[in-house]
């Protein structure tokens, strides 16, 4: 699953994959410029989640009570 996710991120230009001809084989992944451009929005989302996490959990609990 991790490999599939990394390949998808590479496909979208968010990470760069470097393969080293070593024994054992080694592969490194690094954020591209495009990937680094997402760090700000991801940090903002994390702050939002921290501030509103309790409200989200309360909404989920209320939904479960109403609809099971």
C-alpha atoms as a PDB file:
ATOM      1  CA  UNK A   1       0.000   0.000   0.000  1.00  0.00           C
ATOM      2  CA  UNK A   2       2.833   2.396   0.838  1.00  0.00           C
ATOM      3  CA  UNK A   3       4.557   1.626  -2.466  1.00  0.00           C
ATOM      4  CA  UNK A   4       1.324   2.265  -4.379  1.00  0.00           C
ATOM      5  CA  UNK A   5       0.844   5.607  -2.609  1.00  0.00           C
ATOM      6  CA  UNK A   6       4.430   6.678  -3.285  1.00  0.00           C
ATOM      7  CA  UNK A   7       4.101   5.766  -6.962  1.00  0.00           C
ATOM      8  CA  UNK A   8       0.896   7.786  -7.189  1.00  0.00           C
ATOM      9  CA  UNK A   9       2.591  10.794  -5.577  1.00  0.00           C
ATOM     10  CA  UNK A  10       5.456  10.410  -8.058  1.00  0.00           C
ATOM     11  CA  UNK A  11       2.976  10.224 -10.955  1.00  0.00           C
ATOM     12  CA  UNK A  12       1.435  13.511  -9.820  1.00  0.00           C
ATOM     13  CA  UNK A  13       4.837  15.177  -9.529  1.00  0.00           C
ATOM     14  CA  UNK A  14       4.785  15.545  -5.755  1.00  0.00           C
ATOM     15  CA  UNK A  15       7.742  13.261  -4.998  1.00  0.00           C
ATOM     16  CA  UNK A  16      10.891  12.279  -6.859  1.00  0.00           C
ATOM     17  CA  UNK A  17      12.116   8.693  -6.745  1.00  0.00           C
ATOM     18  CA  UNK A  18      15.824   7.897  -6.883  1.00  0.00           C
ATOM     19  CA  UNK A  19      16.973   4.296  -7.340  1.00  0.00           C
ATOM     20  CA  UNK A  20      20.522   3.353  -6.300  1.00  0.00           C
ATOM     21  CA  UNK A  21      22.284   0.394  -7.932  1.00  0.00           C
ATOM     22  CA  UNK A  22      23.454  -1.119  -4.668  1.00  0.00           C
ATOM     23  CA  UNK A  23      23.200  -4.431  -2.937  1.00  0.00           C
ATOM     24  CA  UNK A  24      20.745  -4.564  -1.319  1.00  0.00           C
ATOM     25  CA  UNK A  25      18.789  -2.218  -3.618  1.00  0.00           C
ATOM     26  CA  UNK A  26      17.948   1.170  -2.182  1.00  0.00           C
ATOM     27  CA  UNK A  27      15.318   3.707  -3.199  1.00  0.00           C
ATOM     28  CA  UNK A  28      14.861   7.214  -1.826  1.00  0.00           C
ATOM     29  CA  UNK A  29      11.876   9.517  -2.151  1.00  0.00           C
ATOM     30  CA  UNK A  30      11.972  13.282  -1.732  1.00  0.00           C
ATOM     31  CA  UNK A  31       9.423  16.042  -2.117  1.00  0.00           C
ATOM     32  CA  UNK A  32       9.634  17.995  -5.354  1.00  0.00           C
ATOM     33  CA  UNK A  33       9.074  21.745  -5.505  1.00  0.00           C
ATOM     34  CA  UNK A  34       5.439  21.038  -6.286  1.00  0.00           C
ATOM     35  CA  UNK A  35       5.228  18.711  -3.276  1.00  0.00           C
ATOM     36  CA  UNK A  36       6.853  21.299  -1.020  1.00  0.00           C
ATOM     37  CA  UNK A  37       4.259  23.847  -2.174  1.00  0.00           C
ATOM     38  CA  UNK A  38       1.643  21.735  -0.354  1.00  0.00           C
ATOM     39  CA  UNK A  39       3.337  22.009   3.042  1.00  0.00           C
ATOM     40  CA  UNK A  40       1.614  25.319   3.896  1.00  0.00           C
ATOM     41  CA  UNK A  41      -1.907  24.129   3.047  1.00  0.00           C
ATOM     42  CA  UNK A  42      -1.311  20.835   4.882  1.00  0.00           C
ATOM     43  CA  UNK A  43      -0.082  22.710   7.949  1.00  0.00           C
ATOM     44  CA  UNK A  44      -3.178  24.951   7.806  1.00  0.00           C
ATOM     45  CA  UNK A  45      -5.423  21.900   7.611  1.00  0.00           C
ATOM     46  CA  UNK A  46      -3.625  20.368  10.603  1.00  0.00           C
ATOM     47  CA  UNK A  47      -4.219  23.528  12.632  1.00  0.00           C
ATOM     48  CA  UNK A  48      -7.881  23.539  11.595  1.00  0.00           C
ATOM     49  CA  UNK A  49      -8.210  19.891  12.639  1.00  0.00           C
ATOM     50  CA  UNK A  50      -6.597  20.628  15.992  1.00  0.00           C
ATOM     51  CA  UNK A  51      -8.962  23.546  16.616  1.00  0.00           C
ATOM     52  CA  UNK A  52     -12.129  21.807  15.401  1.00  0.00           C
ATOM     53  CA  UNK A  53     -11.463  18.133  16.127  1.00  0.00           C
ATOM     54  CA  UNK A  54     -13.797  18.029  19.136  1.00  0.00           C
ATOM     55  CA  UNK A  55     -16.640  19.567  17.097  1.00  0.00           C
ATOM     56  CA  UNK A  56     -16.117  17.003  14.326  1.00  0.00           C
ATOM     57  CA  UNK A  57     -16.191  14.141  16.835  1.00  0.00           C
ATOM     58  CA  UNK A  58     -19.357  15.574  18.412  1.00  0.00           C
ATOM     59  CA  UNK A  59     -21.018  15.825  14.996  1.00  0.00           C
ATOM     60  CA  UNK A  60     -20.081  12.201  14.256  1.00  0.00           C
ATOM     61  CA  UNK A  61     -21.494  11.046  17.592  1.00  0.00           C
ATOM     62  CA  UNK A  62     -24.715  12.998  17.004  1.00  0.00           C
ATOM     63  CA  UNK A  63     -25.041  11.448  13.555  1.00  0.00           C
ATOM     64  CA  UNK A  64     -24.539   7.952  14.987  1.00  0.00           C
ATOM     65  CA  UNK A  65     -27.224   8.618  17.592  1.00  0.00           C
ATOM     66  CA  UNK A  66     -29.719   9.775  14.949  1.00  0.00           C
ATOM     67  CA  UNK A  67     -28.997   7.252  12.212  1.00  0.00           C
ATOM     68  CA  UNK A  68     -27.179   4.431  13.973  1.00  0.00           C
END
